[in-house]
Amino acid sequence: MSALPPAIAAIERPHRNLWTLYLIRALFTGPAFPVVAVVLYFRYHTMRYRFDAQGVHMRWGVFFRREINLTYRRIQDIHLRSGLFQRWLGLADVLVQTAAGSASAEMTIEGLQEFEVVREFLYAKMRGHDDGASTDAASPVAAALHEVARELVAVREALDRVGTR
């Protein structure tokens, strides 16, 4: 098993601009602002991410603790979502979908500025690449395919020389 890339291993919390985004969203609720702001405050301050060799883990909540653990092999699709205010703040959400039968994302990793790095990392893990370890395993297969291709070219050239095609 290989070590995680430093940029991925460093992600443990959402970026501080997510709190700004939450405040902007709470302002749009009008008179419910104080209640929504408190709920979003606790969501922001309790949200934690962890990437390890097996999968992605996300947890948040004070009274009602939520935790989502996804293994890389369960991931089916990955999307990026970034609204107007998110783009203004340099943020995006990474939506991770599984084959659980739901149309919505199984996990939404919110408030990331490194969203493209995370997406590429998750795609690589989803496809079974392991930061160089799988390329060594694939090398014999690639070498065999190249050898087969060379032999086919040689057969085609021999047939051309004979004139039978």
N, C-alpha and C. Protein backbone atom coordinates (compact mmCIF):
# COMPACT_ATOMS: atom_id res chain seq x y z
N MET A 1 0.83 -1.17 0.00
CA MET A 1 0.00 0.00 0.00
C MET A 1 0.88 1.24 0.00
N SER A 2 0.51 2.19 -0.81
CA SER A 2 1.32 3.39 -0.89
C SER A 2 0.75 4.48 0.01
N ALA A 3 1.59 5.44 0.31
CA ALA A 3 1.18 6.56 1.15
C ALA A 3 0.30 7.50 0.34
N LEU A 4 -0.54 8.24 1.03
CA LEU A 4 -1.40 9.21 0.37
C LEU A 4 -0.57 10.40 -0.09
N PRO A 5 -0.97 11.04 -1.18
CA PRO A 5 -0.29 12.27 -1.58
C PRO A 5 -0.43 13.32 -0.46
N PRO A 6 0.60 14.12 -0.22
CA PRO A 6 0.54 15.10 0.86
C PRO A 6 -0.63 16.06 0.76
N ALA A 7 -1.00 16.46 -0.47
CA ALA A 7 -2.13 17.39 -0.63
C ALA A 7 -3.43 16.76 -0.16
N ILE A 8 -3.58 15.46 -0.33
CA ILE A 8 -4.79 14.77 0.10
C ILE A 8 -4.76 14.50 1.59
N ALA A 9 -3.61 14.05 2.09
CA ALA A 9 -3.49 13.74 3.52
C ALA A 9 -3.70 14.98 4.39
N ALA A 10 -3.42 16.16 3.85
CA ALA A 10 -3.55 17.40 4.62
C ALA A 10 -5.00 17.85 4.79
N ILE A 11 -5.91 17.29 4.00
CA ILE A 11 -7.31 17.72 4.07
C ILE A 11 -7.99 17.02 5.24
N GLU A 12 -8.32 17.79 6.25
CA GLU A 12 -9.04 17.26 7.41
C GLU A 12 -10.31 18.04 7.70
N ARG A 13 -10.34 19.28 7.27
CA ARG A 13 -11.47 20.17 7.51
C ARG A 13 -11.79 20.94 6.24
N PRO A 14 -13.01 21.47 6.15
CA PRO A 14 -13.31 22.33 5.01
C PRO A 14 -12.54 23.64 5.11
N HIS A 15 -12.37 24.33 4.02
CA HIS A 15 -11.68 25.62 4.00
C HIS A 15 -12.50 26.64 4.78
N ARG A 16 -11.83 27.61 5.37
CA ARG A 16 -12.53 28.61 6.20
C ARG A 16 -13.54 29.44 5.40
N ASN A 17 -13.38 29.49 4.07
CA ASN A 17 -14.36 30.21 3.25
C ASN A 17 -15.72 29.54 3.26
N LEU A 18 -15.79 28.29 3.67
CA LEU A 18 -17.10 27.63 3.75
C LEU A 18 -17.97 28.31 4.79
N TRP A 19 -17.38 28.77 5.88
CA TRP A 19 -18.14 29.47 6.91
C TRP A 19 -18.73 30.76 6.32
N THR A 20 -17.97 31.47 5.50
CA THR A 20 -18.48 32.66 4.83
C THR A 20 -19.66 32.30 3.92
N LEU A 21 -19.51 31.22 3.18
CA LEU A 21 -20.60 30.76 2.31
C LEU A 21 -21.84 30.41 3.14
N TYR A 22 -21.65 29.74 4.25
CA TYR A 22 -22.78 29.41 5.12
C TYR A 22 -23.48 30.68 5.62
N LEU A 23 -22.71 31.70 5.98
CA LEU A 23 -23.32 32.95 6.43
C LEU A 23 -24.12 33.61 5.31
N ILE A 24 -23.60 33.58 4.10
CA ILE A 24 -24.33 34.15 2.96
C ILE A 24 -25.63 33.39 2.75
N ARG A 25 -25.57 32.08 2.81
CA ARG A 25 -26.79 31.27 2.65
C ARG A 25 -27.78 31.56 3.77
N ALA A 26 -27.29 31.72 5.00
CA ALA A 26 -28.17 31.99 6.14
C ALA A 26 -28.85 33.35 5.98
N LEU A 27 -28.15 34.33 5.41
CA LEU A 27 -28.74 35.65 5.19
C LEU A 27 -29.97 35.57 4.28
N PHE A 28 -29.95 34.66 3.32
CA PHE A 28 -31.07 34.51 2.40
C PHE A 28 -32.29 33.88 3.06
N THR A 29 -32.18 33.40 4.28
CA THR A 29 -33.34 32.81 4.96
C THR A 29 -34.16 33.86 5.69
N GLY A 30 -33.71 35.12 5.66
CA GLY A 30 -34.48 36.21 6.26
C GLY A 30 -34.59 36.10 7.77
N PRO A 31 -35.83 36.08 8.28
CA PRO A 31 -36.03 36.07 9.73
C PRO A 31 -35.50 34.80 10.41
N ALA A 32 -35.30 33.74 9.67
CA ALA A 32 -34.78 32.50 10.26
C ALA A 32 -33.25 32.54 10.37
N PHE A 33 -32.64 33.67 10.02
CA PHE A 33 -31.18 33.78 10.02
C PHE A 33 -30.52 33.30 11.31
N PRO A 34 -30.97 33.74 12.50
CA PRO A 34 -30.25 33.31 13.72
C PRO A 34 -30.24 31.79 13.90
N VAL A 35 -31.36 31.15 13.64
CA VAL A 35 -31.44 29.70 13.82
C VAL A 35 -30.58 28.99 12.79
N VAL A 36 -30.72 29.38 11.53
CA VAL A 36 -29.96 28.74 10.45
C VAL A 36 -28.46 28.98 10.65
N ALA A 37 -28.08 30.18 11.06
CA ALA A 37 -26.66 30.49 11.28
C ALA A 37 -26.07 29.62 12.38
N VAL A 38 -26.81 29.38 13.45
CA VAL A 38 -26.31 28.54 14.54
C VAL A 38 -26.15 27.10 14.06
N VAL A 39 -27.13 26.59 13.33
CA VAL A 39 -27.05 25.22 12.82
C VAL A 39 -25.84 25.08 11.89
N LEU A 40 -25.67 26.02 10.98
CA LEU A 40 -24.55 25.96 10.04
C LEU A 40 -23.20 26.18 10.74
N TYR A 41 -23.20 26.99 11.80
CA TYR A 41 -21.97 27.20 12.58
C TYR A 41 -21.48 25.87 13.16
N PHE A 42 -22.39 25.12 13.78
CA PHE A 42 -22.00 23.84 14.36
C PHE A 42 -21.66 22.81 13.28
N ARG A 43 -22.36 22.87 12.16
CA ARG A 43 -22.01 21.96 11.06
C ARG A 43 -20.59 22.24 10.59
N TYR A 44 -20.27 23.51 10.37
CA TYR A 44 -18.93 23.88 9.89
C TYR A 44 -17.84 23.48 10.90
N HIS A 45 -18.06 23.77 12.16
CA HIS A 45 -17.02 23.53 13.17
C HIS A 45 -16.87 22.06 13.58
N THR A 46 -17.83 21.22 13.22
CA THR A 46 -17.69 19.80 13.56
C THR A 46 -17.35 18.94 12.34
N MET A 47 -17.35 19.53 11.15
CA MET A 47 -17.11 18.76 9.93
C MET A 47 -15.64 18.35 9.83
N ARG A 48 -15.43 17.04 9.65
CA ARG A 48 -14.08 16.49 9.53
C ARG A 48 -14.04 15.51 8.37
N TYR A 49 -12.91 15.49 7.66
CA TYR A 49 -12.67 14.55 6.57
C TYR A 49 -11.43 13.74 6.89
N ARG A 50 -11.40 12.52 6.39
CA ARG A 50 -10.20 11.69 6.50
C ARG A 50 -10.10 10.80 5.28
N PHE A 51 -8.96 10.88 4.63
CA PHE A 51 -8.66 10.02 3.50
C PHE A 51 -7.60 9.04 3.98
N ASP A 52 -7.83 7.74 3.74
CA ASP A 52 -6.82 6.75 4.11
C ASP A 52 -6.70 5.73 2.98
N ALA A 53 -5.98 4.68 3.22
CA ALA A 53 -5.73 3.68 2.17
C ALA A 53 -7.00 2.94 1.76
N GLN A 54 -8.01 2.86 2.65
CA GLN A 54 -9.23 2.12 2.34
C GLN A 54 -10.32 2.98 1.72
N GLY A 55 -10.43 4.25 2.15
CA GLY A 55 -11.53 5.05 1.66
C GLY A 55 -11.56 6.46 2.21
N VAL A 56 -12.72 7.07 2.09
CA VAL A 56 -12.96 8.44 2.53
C VAL A 56 -13.93 8.39 3.70
N HIS A 57 -13.67 9.21 4.70
CA HIS A 57 -14.52 9.25 5.89
C HIS A 57 -14.91 10.70 6.15
N MET A 58 -16.17 10.91 6.48
CA MET A 58 -16.67 12.26 6.76
C MET A 58 -17.59 12.18 7.97
N ARG A 59 -17.44 13.15 8.87
CA ARG A 59 -18.34 13.18 10.03
C ARG A 59 -18.62 14.62 10.42
N TRP A 60 -19.80 14.83 11.01
CA TRP A 60 -20.20 16.14 11.48
C TRP A 60 -21.37 15.97 12.43
N GLY A 61 -21.66 17.04 13.18
CA GLY A 61 -22.83 17.07 14.06
C GLY A 61 -22.46 17.16 15.52
N VAL A 62 -23.37 17.76 16.29
CA VAL A 62 -23.20 17.88 17.73
C VAL A 62 -24.20 16.96 18.43
N PHE A 63 -25.48 17.24 18.26
CA PHE A 63 -26.51 16.42 18.90
C PHE A 63 -26.79 15.15 18.10
N PHE A 64 -26.84 15.29 16.80
CA PHE A 64 -27.08 14.17 15.92
C PHE A 64 -25.82 13.96 15.08
N ARG A 65 -24.98 13.09 15.54
CA ARG A 65 -23.70 12.83 14.89
C ARG A 65 -23.91 12.00 13.64
N ARG A 66 -23.38 12.47 12.51
CA ARG A 66 -23.47 11.73 11.26
C ARG A 66 -22.07 11.36 10.84
N GLU A 67 -21.95 10.17 10.31
CA GLU A 67 -20.66 9.71 9.81
C GLU A 67 -20.89 8.88 8.56
N ILE A 68 -20.08 9.15 7.53
CA ILE A 68 -20.16 8.41 6.27
C ILE A 68 -18.78 7.86 5.99
N ASN A 69 -18.71 6.57 5.72
CA ASN A 69 -17.46 5.91 5.36
C ASN A 69 -17.66 5.24 4.01
N LEU A 70 -16.87 5.63 3.03
CA LEU A 70 -16.95 5.04 1.70
C LEU A 70 -15.61 4.43 1.33
N THR A 71 -15.64 3.19 0.91
CA THR A 71 -14.41 2.59 0.39
C THR A 71 -14.28 3.01 -1.08
N TYR A 72 -13.05 3.09 -1.54
CA TYR A 72 -12.81 3.54 -2.91
C TYR A 72 -13.48 2.64 -3.94
N ARG A 73 -13.55 1.35 -3.67
CA ARG A 73 -14.12 0.44 -4.66
C ARG A 73 -15.63 0.58 -4.79
N ARG A 74 -16.31 1.21 -3.82
CA ARG A 74 -17.75 1.44 -3.92
C ARG A 74 -18.09 2.66 -4.76
N ILE A 75 -17.13 3.53 -4.99
CA ILE A 75 -17.38 4.78 -5.72
C ILE A 75 -17.71 4.46 -7.18
N GLN A 76 -18.82 5.01 -7.65
CA GLN A 76 -19.25 4.82 -9.03
C GLN A 76 -19.00 6.06 -9.89
N ASP A 77 -19.20 7.24 -9.31
CA ASP A 77 -19.06 8.47 -10.08
C ASP A 77 -18.71 9.62 -9.15
N ILE A 78 -18.06 10.63 -9.72
CA ILE A 78 -17.62 11.80 -8.95
C ILE A 78 -17.99 13.04 -9.74
N HIS A 79 -18.62 14.00 -9.10
CA HIS A 79 -19.01 15.24 -9.74
C HIS A 79 -18.49 16.42 -8.93
N LEU A 80 -18.27 17.54 -9.60
CA LEU A 80 -17.94 18.79 -8.92
C LEU A 80 -19.14 19.72 -9.05
N ARG A 81 -19.44 20.44 -7.97
CA ARG A 81 -20.53 21.41 -7.99
C ARG A 81 -20.01 22.70 -7.38
N SER A 82 -20.22 23.79 -8.10
CA SER A 82 -19.75 25.08 -7.62
C SER A 82 -20.72 26.16 -8.08
N GLY A 83 -21.45 26.72 -7.14
CA GLY A 83 -22.38 27.79 -7.45
C GLY A 83 -21.68 29.13 -7.57
N LEU A 84 -22.45 30.16 -7.79
CA LEU A 84 -21.90 31.50 -7.98
C LEU A 84 -21.06 31.96 -6.78
N PHE A 85 -21.62 31.86 -5.59
CA PHE A 85 -20.89 32.30 -4.40
C PHE A 85 -19.72 31.38 -4.09
N GLN A 86 -19.88 30.10 -4.38
CA GLN A 86 -18.76 29.17 -4.17
C GLN A 86 -17.59 29.53 -5.08
N ARG A 87 -17.87 29.81 -6.35
CA ARG A 87 -16.80 30.19 -7.28
C ARG A 87 -16.14 31.48 -6.82
N TRP A 88 -16.93 32.43 -6.34
CA TRP A 88 -16.41 33.70 -5.85
C TRP A 88 -15.45 33.48 -4.67
N LEU A 89 -15.76 32.48 -3.85
CA LEU A 89 -14.92 32.16 -2.69
C LEU A 89 -13.84 31.14 -3.01
N GLY A 90 -13.81 30.63 -4.25
CA GLY A 90 -12.80 29.65 -4.65
C GLY A 90 -13.08 28.25 -4.16
N LEU A 91 -14.34 27.93 -3.90
CA LEU A 91 -14.72 26.64 -3.34
C LEU A 91 -15.51 25.81 -4.35
N ALA A 92 -15.56 24.53 -4.08
CA ALA A 92 -16.44 23.62 -4.82
C ALA A 92 -16.74 22.43 -3.92
N ASP A 93 -17.82 21.74 -4.22
CA ASP A 93 -18.18 20.52 -3.52
C ASP A 93 -17.84 19.34 -4.42
N VAL A 94 -17.33 18.28 -3.83
CA VAL A 94 -17.06 17.04 -4.54
C VAL A 94 -18.18 16.07 -4.16
N LEU A 95 -19.01 15.71 -5.14
CA LEU A 95 -20.12 14.79 -4.90
C LEU A 95 -19.70 13.39 -5.30
N VAL A 96 -19.76 12.47 -4.36
CA VAL A 96 -19.33 11.09 -4.58
C VAL A 96 -20.57 10.20 -4.59
N GLN A 97 -20.76 9.49 -5.70
CA GLN A 97 -21.92 8.62 -5.84
C GLN A 97 -21.49 7.16 -5.81
N THR A 98 -22.38 6.35 -5.26
CA THR A 98 -22.16 4.90 -5.22
C THR A 98 -23.32 4.23 -5.93
N ALA A 99 -23.29 2.93 -5.98
CA ALA A 99 -24.38 2.17 -6.61
C ALA A 99 -25.45 1.81 -5.59
N ALA A 100 -25.69 2.67 -4.65
CA ALA A 100 -26.65 2.41 -3.59
C ALA A 100 -28.09 2.53 -4.04
N GLY A 101 -28.32 3.00 -5.26
CA GLY A 101 -29.68 3.08 -5.77
C GLY A 101 -30.31 4.44 -5.57
N SER A 102 -29.62 5.36 -4.97
CA SER A 102 -30.14 6.70 -4.76
C SER A 102 -29.65 7.61 -5.88
N ALA A 103 -30.50 8.55 -6.28
CA ALA A 103 -30.11 9.49 -7.33
C ALA A 103 -29.18 10.57 -6.80
N SER A 104 -29.20 10.79 -5.50
CA SER A 104 -28.34 11.82 -4.92
C SER A 104 -26.98 11.24 -4.54
N ALA A 105 -26.06 12.13 -4.23
CA ALA A 105 -24.71 11.71 -3.88
C ALA A 105 -24.71 11.05 -2.50
N GLU A 106 -23.91 10.02 -2.35
CA GLU A 106 -23.76 9.34 -1.07
C GLU A 106 -22.99 10.23 -0.09
N MET A 107 -22.01 10.97 -0.62
CA MET A 107 -21.19 11.85 0.20
C MET A 107 -20.92 13.13 -0.58
N THR A 108 -21.06 14.26 0.10
CA THR A 108 -20.71 15.55 -0.48
C THR A 108 -19.60 16.15 0.37
N ILE A 109 -18.41 16.21 -0.22
CA ILE A 109 -17.27 16.79 0.48
C ILE A 109 -17.32 18.29 0.19
N GLU A 110 -17.72 19.06 1.20
CA GLU A 110 -17.98 20.49 1.02
C GLU A 110 -16.77 21.35 1.32
N GLY A 111 -16.77 22.53 0.71
CA GLY A 111 -15.83 23.57 1.09
C GLY A 111 -14.38 23.29 0.79
N LEU A 112 -14.10 22.77 -0.38
CA LEU A 112 -12.71 22.48 -0.73
C LEU A 112 -12.20 23.48 -1.75
N GLN A 113 -10.95 23.91 -1.58
CA GLN A 113 -10.28 24.68 -2.62
C GLN A 113 -9.43 23.76 -3.48
N GLU A 114 -9.10 22.58 -2.96
CA GLU A 114 -8.30 21.58 -3.69
C GLU A 114 -9.21 20.57 -4.36
N PHE A 115 -10.38 21.00 -4.82
CA PHE A 115 -11.39 20.08 -5.32
C PHE A 115 -10.94 19.28 -6.53
N GLU A 116 -10.15 19.88 -7.43
CA GLU A 116 -9.71 19.13 -8.61
C GLU A 116 -8.69 18.06 -8.24
N VAL A 117 -7.83 18.36 -7.27
CA VAL A 117 -6.86 17.37 -6.81
C VAL A 117 -7.59 16.20 -6.16
N VAL A 118 -8.60 16.50 -5.36
CA VAL A 118 -9.38 15.45 -4.70
C VAL A 118 -10.13 14.62 -5.73
N ARG A 119 -10.73 15.27 -6.73
CA ARG A 119 -11.45 14.54 -7.77
C ARG A 119 -10.52 13.58 -8.51
N GLU A 120 -9.35 14.06 -8.92
CA GLU A 120 -8.40 13.21 -9.64
C GLU A 120 -7.90 12.06 -8.77
N PHE A 121 -7.67 12.34 -7.49
CA PHE A 121 -7.24 11.29 -6.56
C PHE A 121 -8.32 10.22 -6.43
N LEU A 122 -9.58 10.66 -6.25
CA LEU A 122 -10.68 9.70 -6.11
C LEU A 122 -10.89 8.90 -7.39
N TYR A 123 -10.77 9.54 -8.56
CA TYR A 123 -10.88 8.81 -9.82
C TYR A 123 -9.81 7.73 -9.92
N ALA A 124 -8.59 8.09 -9.55
CA ALA A 124 -7.49 7.12 -9.62
C ALA A 124 -7.76 5.95 -8.67
N LYS A 125 -8.19 6.22 -7.47
CA LYS A 125 -8.48 5.16 -6.50
C LYS A 125 -9.67 4.33 -6.95
N MET A 126 -10.68 4.99 -7.52
CA MET A 126 -11.88 4.30 -7.98
C MET A 126 -11.54 3.31 -9.08
N ARG A 127 -10.58 3.68 -9.93
CA ARG A 127 -10.19 2.82 -11.05
C ARG A 127 -9.15 1.79 -10.65
N GLY A 128 -8.71 1.83 -9.40
CA GLY A 128 -7.79 0.81 -8.92
C GLY A 128 -6.33 1.19 -9.02
N HIS A 129 -6.01 2.41 -9.42
CA HIS A 129 -4.62 2.83 -9.46
C HIS A 129 -4.18 3.15 -8.05
N ASP A 130 -2.93 2.79 -7.74
CA ASP A 130 -2.45 2.97 -6.37
C ASP A 130 -1.12 3.70 -6.36
N ASP A 131 -1.08 4.88 -6.98
CA ASP A 131 0.09 5.74 -6.96
C ASP A 131 1.37 5.03 -7.34
N GLY A 132 1.37 4.38 -8.47
CA GLY A 132 2.60 3.75 -8.94
C GLY A 132 2.65 2.26 -8.70
N ALA A 133 1.96 1.76 -7.70
CA ALA A 133 2.02 0.33 -7.41
C ALA A 133 1.34 -0.47 -8.52
N SER A 134 0.23 0.04 -9.06
CA SER A 134 -0.48 -0.71 -10.08
C SER A 134 0.22 -0.61 -11.43
N THR A 135 1.03 0.44 -11.66
CA THR A 135 1.72 0.53 -12.93
C THR A 135 2.77 -0.55 -13.05
N ASP A 136 3.38 -0.94 -11.92
CA ASP A 136 4.34 -2.04 -11.94
C ASP A 136 3.62 -3.34 -12.28
N ALA A 137 2.42 -3.53 -11.72
CA ALA A 137 1.66 -4.75 -11.98
C ALA A 137 1.17 -4.77 -13.43
N ALA A 138 0.90 -3.60 -14.01
CA ALA A 138 0.39 -3.54 -15.37
C ALA A 138 1.51 -3.64 -16.40
N SER A 139 2.75 -3.45 -16.01
CA SER A 139 3.87 -3.47 -16.95
C SER A 139 3.99 -4.79 -17.70
N PRO A 140 3.89 -5.96 -17.08
CA PRO A 140 3.95 -7.21 -17.84
C PRO A 140 2.83 -7.32 -18.86
N VAL A 141 1.65 -6.84 -18.52
CA VAL A 141 0.52 -6.90 -19.45
C VAL A 141 0.81 -5.98 -20.63
N ALA A 142 1.28 -4.76 -20.36
CA ALA A 142 1.60 -3.83 -21.44
C ALA A 142 2.70 -4.39 -22.32
N ALA A 143 3.72 -5.00 -21.72
CA ALA A 143 4.81 -5.59 -22.50
C ALA A 143 4.30 -6.72 -23.38
N ALA A 144 3.40 -7.54 -22.85
CA ALA A 144 2.85 -8.65 -23.64
C ALA A 144 2.01 -8.11 -24.81
N LEU A 145 1.24 -7.06 -24.57
CA LEU A 145 0.44 -6.47 -25.65
C LEU A 145 1.33 -5.87 -26.73
N HIS A 146 2.41 -5.23 -26.32
CA HIS A 146 3.34 -4.69 -27.31
C HIS A 146 3.97 -5.80 -28.13
N GLU A 147 4.30 -6.91 -27.49
CA GLU A 147 4.88 -8.05 -28.20
C GLU A 147 3.89 -8.63 -29.20
N VAL A 148 2.63 -8.76 -28.80
CA VAL A 148 1.60 -9.26 -29.71
C VAL A 148 1.45 -8.32 -30.90
N ALA A 149 1.45 -7.02 -30.64
CA ALA A 149 1.33 -6.05 -31.73
C ALA A 149 2.50 -6.15 -32.70
N ARG A 150 3.72 -6.33 -32.17
CA ARG A 150 4.89 -6.49 -33.04
C ARG A 150 4.77 -7.75 -33.90
N GLU A 151 4.29 -8.83 -33.29
CA GLU A 151 4.12 -10.07 -34.05
C GLU A 151 3.06 -9.91 -35.13
N LEU A 152 1.99 -9.22 -34.86
CA LEU A 152 0.96 -8.99 -35.88
C LEU A 152 1.50 -8.16 -37.04
N VAL A 153 2.31 -7.17 -36.74
CA VAL A 153 2.92 -6.37 -37.80
C VAL A 153 3.82 -7.26 -38.64
N ALA A 154 4.60 -8.12 -38.00
CA ALA A 154 5.49 -9.03 -38.74
C ALA A 154 4.69 -9.98 -39.62
N VAL A 155 3.58 -10.49 -39.13
CA VAL A 155 2.73 -11.39 -39.93
C VAL A 155 2.17 -10.64 -41.13
N ARG A 156 1.69 -9.43 -40.91
CA ARG A 156 1.14 -8.63 -42.01
C ARG A 156 2.21 -8.37 -43.08
N GLU A 157 3.42 -8.02 -42.66
CA GLU A 157 4.51 -7.78 -43.62
C GLU A 157 4.86 -9.06 -44.38
N ALA A 158 4.87 -10.18 -43.70
CA ALA A 158 5.16 -11.45 -44.38
C ALA A 158 4.09 -11.78 -45.41
N LEU A 159 2.83 -11.55 -45.08
CA LEU A 159 1.75 -11.79 -46.02
C LEU A 159 1.85 -10.86 -47.21
N ASP A 160 2.23 -9.60 -46.97
CA ASP A 160 2.41 -8.67 -48.08
C ASP A 160 3.51 -9.11 -49.02
N ARG A 161 4.58 -9.66 -48.47
CA ARG A 161 5.69 -10.14 -49.30
C ARG A 161 5.26 -11.33 -50.15
N VAL A 162 4.45 -12.20 -49.57
CA VAL A 162 3.99 -13.37 -50.30
C VAL A 162 2.95 -12.95 -51.34
N GLY A 163 2.26 -11.87 -51.10
CA GLY A 163 1.26 -11.40 -52.03
C GLY A 163 -0.12 -11.93 -51.74
N THR A 164 -0.29 -12.66 -50.66
CA THR A 164 -1.58 -13.21 -50.28
C THR A 164 -2.14 -12.31 -49.18
N ARG A 165 -3.24 -11.80 -49.48
CA ARG A 165 -3.81 -10.94 -48.44
C ARG A 165 -5.28 -11.12 -48.33
